[in-house]
Amino acid sequence: LQIEQKKTDFKSEEITNQCSPACSKVLKIFEAQIGKINTCLDGINVNSVLNELGIKFHRCIYDHIFRFEYNELGAMALIRDINEYRSFAKNFNSPTVDKLFIVLHSLSNLLIVQPNNLQEITSGENLVTKKLII
């Protein structure tokens, strides 16, 4: 992510319907790793490793997105990436990882909320539980 993600990815002045190239590359790498884990491990070992990898994957993405500044279209680009990560997170077969990505998506949506609506949005269920998860 540090090498592939460009600062301009989230300061864009154009609308695109695709995730960023960095997001695509990350997902390809993790897809291969999950395939290897499923091939090489079995039973509870698969679940344990996938859960731990999913939590670390989330933390990596979470830490990464705080390194950038966002304009309105850039925030939309981030939300597209987060949607891709969130969909991909289902491959970890972990309710914990799913919940982490739901919260991350909710946090990302805050970037496009009008200031006068912020109080109402932050009291929503996904963001109230944020305090307990991270």
Foldseek 3Di string as FASTA:
>chain_A
DVVQDDLCLQVDPDADLAAGPVLVVVLVVVVVVLVVLVVPDDDVSNLVVLVVVLVVVLVVLVVVVVVYDHDQRSLVNVLSSLVVNLVSNVSSVDPLSNLSSVLVSLVSVLNNDDPVCNVVSCVDPSNVCVVVND
